[in-house]
Amino acid sequence: MTRDNLALLLKDEDWDQVLDTNLGAAFRLTRACARAMLKARRGRIINIGSVVGSAGNAGQANYAAAKAGVLGYTRSLAQDLAPYGVTVNCIVPGLIMHEGLRGAIPDKFFANLEKDVPMKRAGKPEEIAEAAAFFMSEGSSYVTGQTMHVNGGLLMPG
């Protein structure tokens, strides 16, 4: 959920709504679900970030702050819950083609976006699902507090 504008022109309500939707909701959902995971001494929490949270983007200071917050929240929560057998990780999608996006962005504009991706294509929702499947699997039982960037090389953080 975004409400784009230059940072100095953002209205308080646009800042608050974007932060609450993108960061506050992750907090509230986790709080509602984590107790059962703690009791079971097992669980997986997967947050969804954004390339904008790692790299920033002009006109999206509120969204960038919210998604950067999700990254920090993921790492802190991972430390809180690891002793109880609960892992917490984050998937950061890049440009992902889905039906809602296809109808909202003209093909010519979308093709220009794809040029910026080193793999020269948009990702597919199935590729995000595969990342989530890994974090849900036993193969990731020793992986917590991590961020997986699924973006075709658009962003390669160190």
C-alpha atoms as a PDB file:
ATOM      1  CA  MET A   1       0.000   0.000   0.000  1.00  0.00           C
ATOM      2  CA  THR A   2       1.548   3.287  -1.040  1.00  0.00           C
ATOM      3  CA  ARG A   3       0.659   6.963  -0.965  1.00  0.00           C
ATOM      4  CA  ASP A   4       3.465   8.462  -3.019  1.00  0.00           C
ATOM      5  CA  ASN A   5       4.727  12.026  -2.788  1.00  0.00           C
ATOM      6  CA  LEU A   6       8.000  13.822  -2.203  1.00  0.00           C
ATOM      7  CA  ALA A   7       8.986  13.466   1.455  1.00  0.00           C
ATOM      8  CA  LEU A   8       8.548  17.138   2.309  1.00  0.00           C
ATOM      9  CA  LEU A   9       5.083  17.171   0.733  1.00  0.00           C
ATOM     10  CA  LEU A  10       3.737  14.059   2.460  1.00  0.00           C
ATOM     11  CA  LYS A  11       0.662  14.562   4.590  1.00  0.00           C
ATOM     12  CA  ASP A  12       0.753  13.143   8.107  1.00  0.00           C
ATOM     13  CA  GLU A  13      -2.164  10.835   7.340  1.00  0.00           C
ATOM     14  CA  ASP A  14      -0.374   9.436   4.259  1.00  0.00           C
ATOM     15  CA  TRP A  15       2.743   8.767   6.330  1.00  0.00           C
ATOM     16  CA  ASP A  16       0.736   7.155   9.130  1.00  0.00           C
ATOM     17  CA  GLN A  17      -1.461   5.023   6.881  1.00  0.00           C
ATOM     18  CA  VAL A  18       1.448   3.607   4.879  1.00  0.00           C
ATOM     19  CA  LEU A  19       3.456   2.830   8.023  1.00  0.00           C
ATOM     20  CA  ASP A  20       0.456   1.242   9.722  1.00  0.00           C
ATOM     21  CA  THR A  21      -0.519  -0.849   6.701  1.00  0.00           C
ATOM     22  CA  ASN A  22       2.961  -2.090   5.842  1.00  0.00           C
ATOM     23  CA  LEU A  23       4.677  -2.311   9.244  1.00  0.00           C
ATOM     24  CA  GLY A  24       1.939  -2.162  11.852  1.00  0.00           C
ATOM     25  CA  ALA A  25       0.001  -4.983  10.230  1.00  0.00           C
ATOM     26  CA  ALA A  26       3.075  -7.256  10.282  1.00  0.00           C
ATOM     27  CA  PHE A  27       3.466  -6.561  14.006  1.00  0.00           C
ATOM     28  CA  ARG A  28      -0.194  -7.206  14.812  1.00  0.00           C
ATOM     29  CA  LEU A  29      -0.406 -10.392  12.726  1.00  0.00           C
ATOM     30  CA  THR A  30       2.756 -11.780  14.315  1.00  0.00           C
ATOM     31  CA  ARG A  31       1.523 -10.967  17.804  1.00  0.00           C
ATOM     32  CA  ALA A  32      -1.740 -12.793  17.063  1.00  0.00           C
ATOM     33  CA  CYS A  33      -0.010 -15.940  15.754  1.00  0.00           C
ATOM     34  CA  ALA A  34       3.269 -16.218  17.662  1.00  0.00           C
ATOM     35  CA  ARG A  35       1.869 -17.403  20.997  1.00  0.00           C
ATOM     36  CA  ALA A  36       0.710 -20.688  19.460  1.00  0.00           C
ATOM     37  CA  MET A  37       4.130 -21.138  17.851  1.00  0.00           C
ATOM     38  CA  LEU A  38       5.879 -20.503  21.168  1.00  0.00           C
ATOM     39  CA  LYS A  39       3.646 -23.048  22.884  1.00  0.00           C
ATOM     40  CA  ALA A  40       4.410 -25.607  20.156  1.00  0.00           C
ATOM     41  CA  ARG A  41       8.110 -24.649  20.299  1.00  0.00           C
ATOM     42  CA  ARG A  42       8.076 -24.593  16.516  1.00  0.00           C
ATOM     43  CA  GLY A  43       7.014 -22.185  13.830  1.00  0.00           C
ATOM     44  CA  ARG A  44       7.862 -20.169  10.768  1.00  0.00           C
ATOM     45  CA  ILE A  45       7.184 -16.499  10.207  1.00  0.00           C
ATOM     46  CA  ILE A  46       7.828 -15.027   6.768  1.00  0.00           C
ATOM     47  CA  ASN A  47       7.572 -11.286   6.296  1.00  0.00           C
ATOM     48  CA  ILE A  48       7.401  -9.585   2.915  1.00  0.00           C
ATOM     49  CA  GLY A  49       9.682  -6.626   2.312  1.00  0.00           C
ATOM     50  CA  SER A  50      10.359  -4.529  -0.769  1.00  0.00           C
ATOM     51  CA  VAL A  51      13.358  -3.504  -2.819  1.00  0.00           C
ATOM     52  CA  VAL A  52      12.315   0.046  -1.894  1.00  0.00           C
ATOM     53  CA  GLY A  53      12.915  -0.775   1.783  1.00  0.00           C
ATOM     54  CA  SER A  54      16.528  -1.654   0.990  1.00  0.00           C
ATOM     55  CA  ALA A  55      17.341   0.921  -1.691  1.00  0.00           C
ATOM     56  CA  GLY A  56      14.848   3.767  -1.209  1.00  0.00           C
ATOM     57  CA  ASN A  57      12.914   5.411  -4.017  1.00  0.00           C
ATOM     58  CA  ALA A  58      12.118   9.034  -4.796  1.00  0.00           C
ATOM     59  CA  GLY A  59       8.583   9.905  -3.774  1.00  0.00           C
ATOM     60  CA  GLN A  60       8.218   6.879  -1.510  1.00  0.00           C
ATOM     61  CA  ALA A  61       9.861   7.877   1.782  1.00  0.00           C
ATOM     62  CA  ASN A  62       6.906   6.571   3.775  1.00  0.00           C
ATOM     63  CA  TYR A  63       6.834   3.216   1.972  1.00  0.00           C
ATOM     64  CA  ALA A  64      10.640   2.895   2.141  1.00  0.00           C
ATOM     65  CA  ALA A  65      10.572   3.584   5.885  1.00  0.00           C
ATOM     66  CA  ALA A  66       7.806   1.039   6.441  1.00  0.00           C
ATOM     67  CA  LYS A  67       9.506  -1.697   4.436  1.00  0.00           C
ATOM     68  CA  ALA A  68      12.919  -0.959   5.995  1.00  0.00           C
ATOM     69  CA  GLY A  69      11.104  -1.303   9.309  1.00  0.00           C
ATOM     70  CA  VAL A  70       9.887  -4.749   8.258  1.00  0.00           C
ATOM     71  CA  LEU A  71      13.520  -5.768   7.683  1.00  0.00           C
ATOM     72  CA  GLY A  72      14.588  -4.555  11.137  1.00  0.00           C
ATOM     73  CA  TYR A  73      11.503  -6.061  12.763  1.00  0.00           C
ATOM     74  CA  THR A  74      12.296  -9.405  11.120  1.00  0.00           C
ATOM     75  CA  ARG A  75      15.829  -9.451  12.537  1.00  0.00           C
ATOM     76  CA  SER A  76      14.759  -8.413  16.045  1.00  0.00           C
ATOM     77  CA  LEU A  77      11.856 -10.844  16.128  1.00  0.00           C
ATOM     78  CA  ALA A  78      14.163 -13.627  14.929  1.00  0.00           C
ATOM     79  CA  GLN A  79      16.353 -13.049  17.980  1.00  0.00           C
ATOM     80  CA  ASP A  80      13.332 -12.969  20.298  1.00  0.00           C
ATOM     81  CA  LEU A  81      11.789 -16.188  18.988  1.00  0.00           C
ATOM     82  CA  ALA A  82      14.797 -18.347  18.032  1.00  0.00           C
ATOM     83  CA  PRO A  83      15.146 -19.855  21.531  1.00  0.00           C
ATOM     84  CA  TYR A  84      11.611 -21.213  21.115  1.00  0.00           C
ATOM     85  CA  GLY A  85      12.209 -22.960  17.790  1.00  0.00           C
ATOM     86  CA  VAL A  86      10.517 -20.259  15.712  1.00  0.00           C
ATOM     87  CA  THR A  87      12.324 -18.868  12.680  1.00  0.00           C
ATOM     88  CA  VAL A  88      11.602 -15.441  11.240  1.00  0.00           C
ATOM     89  CA  ASN A  89      12.765 -14.460   7.765  1.00  0.00           C
ATOM     90  CA  CYS A  90      11.883 -11.955   5.072  1.00  0.00           C
ATOM     91  CA  ILE A  91      11.377 -12.209   1.323  1.00  0.00           C
ATOM     92  CA  VAL A  92      12.080  -9.056  -0.671  1.00  0.00           C
ATOM     93  CA  PRO A  93      10.497  -9.296  -4.123  1.00  0.00           C
ATOM     94  CA  GLY A  94      11.669  -7.192  -7.007  1.00  0.00           C
ATOM     95  CA  LEU A  95       9.626  -6.535 -10.119  1.00  0.00           C
ATOM     96  CA  ILE A  96       7.038  -9.333 -10.124  1.00  0.00           C
ATOM     97  CA  MET A  97       4.489  -9.645 -12.920  1.00  0.00           C
ATOM     98  CA  HIS A  98       1.001 -10.526 -11.754  1.00  0.00           C
ATOM     99  CA  GLU A  99      -2.464  -9.879 -13.135  1.00  0.00           C
ATOM    100  CA  GLY A 100      -3.115  -6.824 -10.971  1.00  0.00           C
ATOM    101  CA  LEU A 101       0.106  -5.219 -12.166  1.00  0.00           C
ATOM    102  CA  ARG A 102      -0.462  -6.169 -15.800  1.00  0.00           C
ATOM    103  CA  GLY A 103      -3.685  -4.175 -15.856  1.00  0.00           C
ATOM    104  CA  ALA A 104      -2.200  -1.190 -14.025  1.00  0.00           C
ATOM    105  CA  ILE A 105       1.016  -0.613 -15.999  1.00  0.00           C
ATOM    106  CA  PRO A 106       1.144  -0.172 -19.790  1.00  0.00           C
ATOM    107  CA  ASP A 107       3.252  -2.815 -21.575  1.00  0.00           C
ATOM    108  CA  LYS A 108       5.681  -0.202 -22.944  1.00  0.00           C
ATOM    109  CA  PHE A 109       6.358   1.190 -19.460  1.00  0.00           C
ATOM    110  CA  PHE A 110       6.725  -2.310 -18.029  1.00  0.00           C
ATOM    111  CA  ALA A 111       9.245  -3.233 -20.746  1.00  0.00           C
ATOM    112  CA  ASN A 112      11.334  -0.222 -19.682  1.00  0.00           C
ATOM    113  CA  LEU A 113      11.268  -1.446 -16.080  1.00  0.00           C
ATOM    114  CA  GLU A 114      12.444  -4.900 -17.166  1.00  0.00           C
ATOM    115  CA  LYS A 115      15.495  -3.351 -18.874  1.00  0.00           C
ATOM    116  CA  ASP A 116      16.804  -2.344 -15.416  1.00  0.00           C
ATOM    117  CA  VAL A 117      16.722  -5.945 -14.183  1.00  0.00           C
ATOM    118  CA  PRO A 118      19.985  -7.796 -14.962  1.00  0.00           C
ATOM    119  CA  MET A 119      17.986 -10.924 -15.880  1.00  0.00           C
ATOM    120  CA  LYS A 120      15.983  -8.743 -18.329  1.00  0.00           C
ATOM    121  CA  ARG A 121      12.602 -10.020 -17.192  1.00  0.00           C
ATOM    122  CA  ALA A 122      10.093  -9.679 -14.424  1.00  0.00           C
ATOM    123  CA  GLY A 123       9.767 -12.341 -11.800  1.00  0.00           C
ATOM    124  CA  LYS A 124       6.772 -14.628 -11.450  1.00  0.00           C
ATOM    125  CA  PRO A 125       4.596 -15.073  -8.365  1.00  0.00           C
ATOM    126  CA  GLU A 126       5.641 -18.731  -8.380  1.00  0.00           C
ATOM    127  CA  GLU A 127       9.242 -17.660  -7.769  1.00  0.00           C
ATOM    128  CA  ILE A 128       8.200 -15.835  -4.606  1.00  0.00           C
ATOM    129  CA  ALA A 129       6.217 -18.918  -3.567  1.00  0.00           C
ATOM    130  CA  GLU A 130       9.335 -21.079  -3.998  1.00  0.00           C
ATOM    131  CA  ALA A 131      11.306 -18.754  -1.712  1.00  0.00           C
ATOM    132  CA  ALA A 132       8.535 -19.043   0.876  1.00  0.00           C
ATOM    133  CA  ALA A 133       8.513 -22.832   0.482  1.00  0.00           C
ATOM    134  CA  PHE A 134      12.223 -22.887   1.305  1.00  0.00           C
ATOM    135  CA  PHE A 135      11.733 -20.810   4.454  1.00  0.00           C
ATOM    136  CA  MET A 136       8.878 -23.141   5.479  1.00  0.00           C
ATOM    137  CA  SER A 137      10.923 -26.291   4.867  1.00  0.00           C
ATOM    138  CA  GLU A 138      13.055 -28.332   7.254  1.00  0.00           C
ATOM    139  CA  GLY A 139      15.993 -27.340   5.056  1.00  0.00           C
ATOM    140  CA  SER A 140      15.757 -23.849   6.545  1.00  0.00           C
ATOM    141  CA  SER A 141      15.523 -24.934  10.187  1.00  0.00           C
ATOM    142  CA  TYR A 142      18.866 -23.221  10.970  1.00  0.00           C
ATOM    143  CA  VAL A 143      18.042 -20.077   8.969  1.00  0.00           C
ATOM    144  CA  THR A 144      16.553 -17.157  10.874  1.00  0.00           C
ATOM    145  CA  GLY A 145      16.735 -13.375  10.692  1.00  0.00           C
ATOM    146  CA  GLN A 146      17.607 -13.527   7.011  1.00  0.00           C
ATOM    147  CA  THR A 147      16.441 -11.558   4.010  1.00  0.00           C
ATOM    148  CA  MET A 148      16.111 -13.291   0.639  1.00  0.00           C
ATOM    149  CA  HIS A 149      16.088 -10.912  -2.311  1.00  0.00           C
ATOM    150  CA  VAL A 150      14.122 -12.407  -5.209  1.00  0.00           C
ATOM    151  CA  ASN A 151      14.651  -9.739  -7.837  1.00  0.00           C
ATOM    152  CA  GLY A 152      16.579 -10.991 -10.852  1.00  0.00           C
ATOM    153  CA  GLY A 153      19.679  -9.129  -9.680  1.00  0.00           C
ATOM    154  CA  LEU A 154      17.988  -5.714  -9.487  1.00  0.00           C
ATOM    155  CA  LEU A 155      19.418  -5.210  -6.007  1.00  0.00           C
ATOM    156  CA  MET A 156      22.424  -7.110  -4.667  1.00  0.00           C
ATOM    157  CA  PRO A 157      22.991  -5.992  -1.080  1.00  0.00           C
ATOM    158  CA  GLY A 158      26.227  -6.996   0.626  1.00  0.00           C
END
